[in-house]
Amino acid sequence: MLVMFVGTDRTQTAINPAQVTFVSSVSNGTRIRFGEGRSVTVTEPIDAVLDSLNQALRPHE
């Protein structure tokens, strides 16, 4: 399942939560890191990002 966020350039950004390795708060939003030095910064606050990523990783009933 993919999770949608708004990038700092105001474009839609789709993220596969299974590939996320680190999430950190930055001055203009939240940075989501993946393997191999890749990252994206989104405008949503870190709490909203973590909640969305966790919901996507939960098994669906």
C-alpha atoms as a PDB file:
ATOM      1  CA  MET A   1       0.000   0.000   0.000  1.00  0.00           C
ATOM      2  CA  LEU A   2       1.225   3.495  -0.807  1.00  0.00           C
ATOM      3  CA  VAL A   3       0.754   6.547   1.404  1.00  0.00           C
ATOM      4  CA  MET A   4       0.273   9.993  -0.153  1.00  0.00           C
ATOM      5  CA  PHE A   5       1.861  13.173   1.188  1.00  0.00           C
ATOM      6  CA  VAL A   6       2.468  16.688  -0.138  1.00  0.00           C
ATOM      7  CA  GLY A   7       6.077  17.429  -1.000  1.00  0.00           C
ATOM      8  CA  THR A   8       7.711  20.740  -0.139  1.00  0.00           C
ATOM      9  CA  ASP A   9       7.370  21.701  -3.822  1.00  0.00           C
ATOM     10  CA  ARG A  10       3.557  21.152  -3.419  1.00  0.00           C
ATOM     11  CA  THR A  11       3.464  18.002  -5.565  1.00  0.00           C
ATOM     12  CA  GLN A  12       1.849  14.752  -4.477  1.00  0.00           C
ATOM     13  CA  THR A  13       4.382  12.229  -3.176  1.00  0.00           C
ATOM     14  CA  ALA A  14       3.609   8.501  -2.909  1.00  0.00           C
ATOM     15  CA  ILE A  15       5.602   6.518  -0.353  1.00  0.00           C
ATOM     16  CA  ASN A  16       5.864   2.786   0.250  1.00  0.00           C
ATOM     17  CA  PRO A  17       5.922   2.556   4.078  1.00  0.00           C
ATOM     18  CA  ALA A  18       7.788  -0.768   3.972  1.00  0.00           C
ATOM     19  CA  GLN A  19      10.843   1.028   2.527  1.00  0.00           C
ATOM     20  CA  VAL A  20      11.084   3.802   5.140  1.00  0.00           C
ATOM     21  CA  THR A  21      14.217   3.591   7.295  1.00  0.00           C
ATOM     22  CA  PHE A  22      14.098   6.869   9.248  1.00  0.00           C
ATOM     23  CA  VAL A  23      11.721   9.802   9.833  1.00  0.00           C
ATOM     24  CA  SER A  24      12.841  13.156  11.256  1.00  0.00           C
ATOM     25  CA  SER A  25      11.380  16.594  11.820  1.00  0.00           C
ATOM     26  CA  VAL A  26      12.928  19.453   9.823  1.00  0.00           C
ATOM     27  CA  SER A  27      12.157  23.174   9.713  1.00  0.00           C
ATOM     28  CA  ASN A  28       9.878  22.954   6.665  1.00  0.00           C
ATOM     29  CA  GLY A  29       8.091  19.662   7.463  1.00  0.00           C
ATOM     30  CA  THR A  30       9.153  16.046   7.857  1.00  0.00           C
ATOM     31  CA  ARG A  31      12.011  14.231   6.153  1.00  0.00           C
ATOM     32  CA  ILE A  32      11.363  10.598   5.254  1.00  0.00           C
ATOM     33  CA  ARG A  33      14.475   8.548   4.511  1.00  0.00           C
ATOM     34  CA  PHE A  34      14.808   5.341   2.535  1.00  0.00           C
ATOM     35  CA  GLY A  35      17.774   3.076   1.858  1.00  0.00           C
ATOM     36  CA  GLU A  36      20.744   4.115  -0.272  1.00  0.00           C
ATOM     37  CA  GLY A  37      20.704   7.776   0.788  1.00  0.00           C
ATOM     38  CA  ARG A  38      17.314   8.598  -0.735  1.00  0.00           C
ATOM     39  CA  SER A  39      14.932  10.933   1.074  1.00  0.00           C
ATOM     40  CA  VAL A  40      11.923  13.167   0.542  1.00  0.00           C
ATOM     41  CA  THR A  41      10.716  16.128   2.586  1.00  0.00           C
ATOM     42  CA  VAL A  42       6.955  16.530   3.003  1.00  0.00           C
ATOM     43  CA  THR A  43       4.905  19.368   4.487  1.00  0.00           C
ATOM     44  CA  GLU A  44       2.934  17.255   6.981  1.00  0.00           C
ATOM     45  CA  PRO A  45       4.046  17.311  10.642  1.00  0.00           C
ATOM     46  CA  ILE A  46       5.938  14.279  11.927  1.00  0.00           C
ATOM     47  CA  ASP A  47       2.989  13.032  14.027  1.00  0.00           C
ATOM     48  CA  ALA A  48       0.718  12.867  10.972  1.00  0.00           C
ATOM     49  CA  VAL A  49       3.428  11.159   8.905  1.00  0.00           C
ATOM     50  CA  LEU A  50       4.081   8.504  11.538  1.00  0.00           C
ATOM     51  CA  ASP A  51       0.372   7.864  11.994  1.00  0.00           C
ATOM     52  CA  SER A  52      -0.188   7.443   8.244  1.00  0.00           C
ATOM     53  CA  LEU A  53       2.827   5.157   7.835  1.00  0.00           C
ATOM     54  CA  ASN A  54       1.822   3.018  10.820  1.00  0.00           C
ATOM     55  CA  GLN A  55      -1.773   2.660   9.588  1.00  0.00           C
ATOM     56  CA  ALA A  56      -0.549   1.526   6.188  1.00  0.00           C
ATOM     57  CA  LEU A  57       1.678  -1.136   7.751  1.00  0.00           C
ATOM     58  CA  ARG A  58      -1.084  -2.607   9.933  1.00  0.00           C
ATOM     59  CA  PRO A  59      -2.845  -5.706   8.593  1.00  0.00           C
ATOM     60  CA  HIS A  60      -6.227  -4.865   7.124  1.00  0.00           C
ATOM     61  CA  GLU A  61      -9.337  -6.667   8.236  1.00  0.00           C
END
